[in-house]
């Protein structure tokens, strides 16, 4: 199974927000960190906002932030919202009728079991897990350390 680019960057966007905890993240900053267009990120934001994974604040000083703790957002939550199709084979499609084994195929059952295992693994990882796995996440993403900036002022 291959996840879409949208899912990949939705996870990255959430990781950025988690690493920038306590502050609003601007889409322009996230886009710069990952070298993608702001328009692409705005497209990704819509389903995340609708699913109440991300919250937005409008206006000049607005931005985005996680709508709930990073530890409560699993990879499965993100994949479920951003992926449109989990068909691993043609016979997974709702209109599949060409195969004479459609109702009694061992392949279909095996692929469904594999997909279930894939979802189970995703359910076991949170956005927080991904961010904490890299203690230098803020530096890697170019997120300024606000405690350092306050100390220098």
Protein backbone atom coordinates (compact mmCIF):
# COMPACT_ATOMS: atom_id res chain seq x y z
CA UNK A 1 0.00 0.00 0.00
CA UNK A 2 1.30 3.43 -0.87
CA UNK A 3 0.08 6.51 0.98
CA UNK A 4 -0.63 9.64 -1.03
CA UNK A 5 1.49 12.77 -0.98
CA UNK A 6 -1.42 14.46 0.78
CA UNK A 7 -1.24 12.02 3.69
CA UNK A 8 2.55 12.30 3.87
CA UNK A 9 2.41 16.09 4.17
CA UNK A 10 -0.60 16.03 6.50
CA UNK A 11 1.51 13.99 8.92
CA UNK A 12 4.45 16.37 8.44
CA UNK A 13 2.21 19.38 9.05
CA UNK A 14 0.99 17.82 12.28
CA UNK A 15 4.55 17.02 13.33
CA UNK A 16 5.51 20.66 12.75
CA UNK A 17 2.59 21.87 14.88
CA UNK A 18 3.48 19.37 17.62
CA UNK A 19 7.12 20.48 17.62
CA UNK A 20 5.92 24.09 17.79
CA UNK A 21 3.67 23.34 20.76
CA UNK A 22 2.25 26.33 22.59
CA UNK A 23 2.45 28.63 19.57
CA UNK A 24 0.49 29.09 16.39
CA UNK A 25 2.23 27.81 13.27
CA UNK A 26 1.94 29.80 10.08
CA UNK A 27 1.30 27.90 6.88
CA UNK A 28 4.08 29.91 5.20
CA UNK A 29 6.58 28.67 7.82
CA UNK A 30 5.47 25.07 7.44
CA UNK A 31 5.63 25.32 3.65
CA UNK A 32 9.16 26.74 3.84
CA UNK A 33 10.29 24.02 6.26
CA UNK A 34 9.16 21.27 3.88
CA UNK A 35 9.74 23.09 0.57
CA UNK A 36 6.14 22.73 -0.61
CA UNK A 37 3.63 25.30 -1.76
CA UNK A 38 1.34 27.05 0.67
CA UNK A 39 -1.59 26.30 -1.63
CA UNK A 40 -0.89 22.56 -1.31
CA UNK A 41 -0.83 22.83 2.50
CA UNK A 42 -4.09 24.80 2.56
CA UNK A 43 -5.68 21.98 0.56
CA UNK A 44 -4.42 19.47 3.11
CA UNK A 45 -5.65 21.55 6.04
CA UNK A 46 -9.32 21.39 5.09
CA UNK A 47 -9.95 17.72 5.95
CA UNK A 48 -7.78 18.00 9.08
CA UNK A 49 -9.85 20.96 10.31
CA UNK A 50 -13.14 19.20 9.49
CA UNK A 51 -11.97 16.15 11.47
CA UNK A 52 -11.03 18.42 14.41
CA UNK A 53 -7.40 17.35 14.25
CA UNK A 54 -6.20 20.90 13.51
CA UNK A 55 -7.63 24.20 14.66
CA UNK A 56 -7.16 27.49 12.83
CA UNK A 57 -6.99 31.07 14.00
CA UNK A 58 -7.78 33.63 11.33
CA UNK A 59 -6.36 37.07 10.96
CA UNK A 60 -3.04 38.80 10.73
CA UNK A 61 -1.55 36.96 13.70
CA UNK A 62 -3.39 33.74 12.93
CA UNK A 63 -2.13 30.30 12.16
CA UNK A 64 -2.78 26.65 12.83
CA UNK A 65 -2.34 24.41 15.85
CA UNK A 66 -3.28 20.94 16.91
CA UNK A 67 -6.89 20.76 18.07
CA UNK A 68 -6.03 18.09 20.61
CA UNK A 69 -2.80 16.80 22.20
CA UNK A 70 -0.30 15.23 19.80
CA UNK A 71 -0.38 12.09 21.93
CA UNK A 72 -4.10 11.72 21.11
CA UNK A 73 -3.67 11.91 17.32
CA UNK A 74 -2.73 8.56 15.80
CA UNK A 75 -1.35 7.97 12.34
CA UNK A 76 -4.53 6.03 11.63
CA UNK A 77 -6.59 9.14 12.48
CA UNK A 78 -4.69 11.04 9.80
CA UNK A 79 -4.74 8.28 7.19
CA UNK A 80 -8.46 7.74 7.65
CA UNK A 81 -9.09 11.45 6.97
CA UNK A 82 -6.66 12.00 4.09
CA UNK A 83 -6.83 8.80 2.06
CA UNK A 84 -9.75 8.31 -0.29
CA UNK A 85 -9.29 4.69 -1.21
CA UNK A 86 -7.92 1.66 0.58
CA UNK A 87 -8.40 -0.75 -2.31
CA UNK A 88 -5.34 -2.97 -2.43
CA UNK A 89 -6.60 -4.90 -5.43
CA UNK A 90 -9.27 -4.40 -8.06
CA UNK A 91 -11.61 -6.75 -6.22
CA UNK A 92 -11.73 -4.31 -3.28
CA UNK A 93 -13.58 -1.80 -5.46
CA UNK A 94 -17.31 -1.53 -4.79
CA UNK A 95 -18.19 -2.04 -8.45
CA UNK A 96 -15.88 -5.02 -9.00
CA UNK A 97 -17.80 -7.80 -10.72
CA UNK A 98 -15.39 -9.17 -13.33
CA UNK A 99 -13.84 -11.92 -11.22
CA UNK A 100 -15.87 -15.12 -10.86
CA UNK A 101 -14.29 -15.66 -7.41
CA UNK A 102 -15.39 -12.28 -6.04
CA UNK A 103 -17.45 -13.76 -3.19
CA UNK A 104 -15.17 -16.65 -2.25
CA UNK A 105 -11.60 -15.57 -2.97
CA UNK A 106 -8.78 -16.31 -0.57
CA UNK A 107 -6.74 -13.41 -1.95
CA UNK A 108 -9.43 -10.91 -1.03
CA UNK A 109 -9.56 -12.28 2.53
CA UNK A 110 -5.76 -12.22 2.86
CA UNK A 111 -5.53 -8.63 1.61
CA UNK A 112 -8.28 -7.51 3.98
CA UNK A 113 -6.38 -9.11 6.85
CA UNK A 114 -3.16 -7.37 5.76
CA UNK A 115 -4.95 -4.02 5.53
CA UNK A 116 -6.35 -4.54 9.02
CA UNK A 117 -2.85 -5.23 10.34
CA UNK A 118 -1.58 -2.07 8.60
CA UNK A 119 -4.31 0.00 10.27
CA UNK A 120 -3.55 -1.62 13.63
CA UNK A 121 0.12 -0.59 13.41
CA UNK A 122 -0.84 2.97 12.45
CA UNK A 123 -3.19 3.09 15.44
CA UNK A 124 -0.21 2.31 17.68
CA UNK A 125 1.74 5.46 16.76
CA UNK A 126 0.86 9.03 17.63
CA UNK A 127 2.13 12.31 16.22
CA UNK A 128 3.79 12.82 19.61
CA UNK A 129 5.70 9.53 19.17
CA UNK A 130 7.11 10.76 15.87
CA UNK A 131 8.18 14.12 17.27
CA UNK A 132 9.72 12.69 20.44
CA UNK A 133 11.70 10.16 18.38
CA UNK A 134 13.76 13.12 17.10
CA UNK A 135 14.81 15.40 19.96
CA UNK A 136 16.24 17.85 17.44
CA UNK A 137 12.94 18.17 15.53
CA UNK A 138 12.64 21.93 16.16
CA UNK A 139 16.13 22.54 14.79
CA UNK A 140 15.57 20.27 11.79
CA UNK A 141 12.40 22.20 10.90
CA UNK A 142 13.92 25.63 11.54
CA UNK A 143 11.52 26.44 14.38
CA UNK A 144 13.02 29.20 16.52
CA UNK A 145 13.46 28.52 20.22
CA UNK A 146 11.28 31.15 21.89
CA UNK A 147 12.94 30.64 25.30
CA UNK A 148 16.32 31.48 23.72
CA UNK A 149 14.89 34.57 21.99
CA UNK A 150 13.35 35.81 25.26
CA UNK A 151 16.62 35.24 27.15
CA UNK A 152 18.59 37.22 24.54
CA UNK A 153 16.16 40.17 24.60
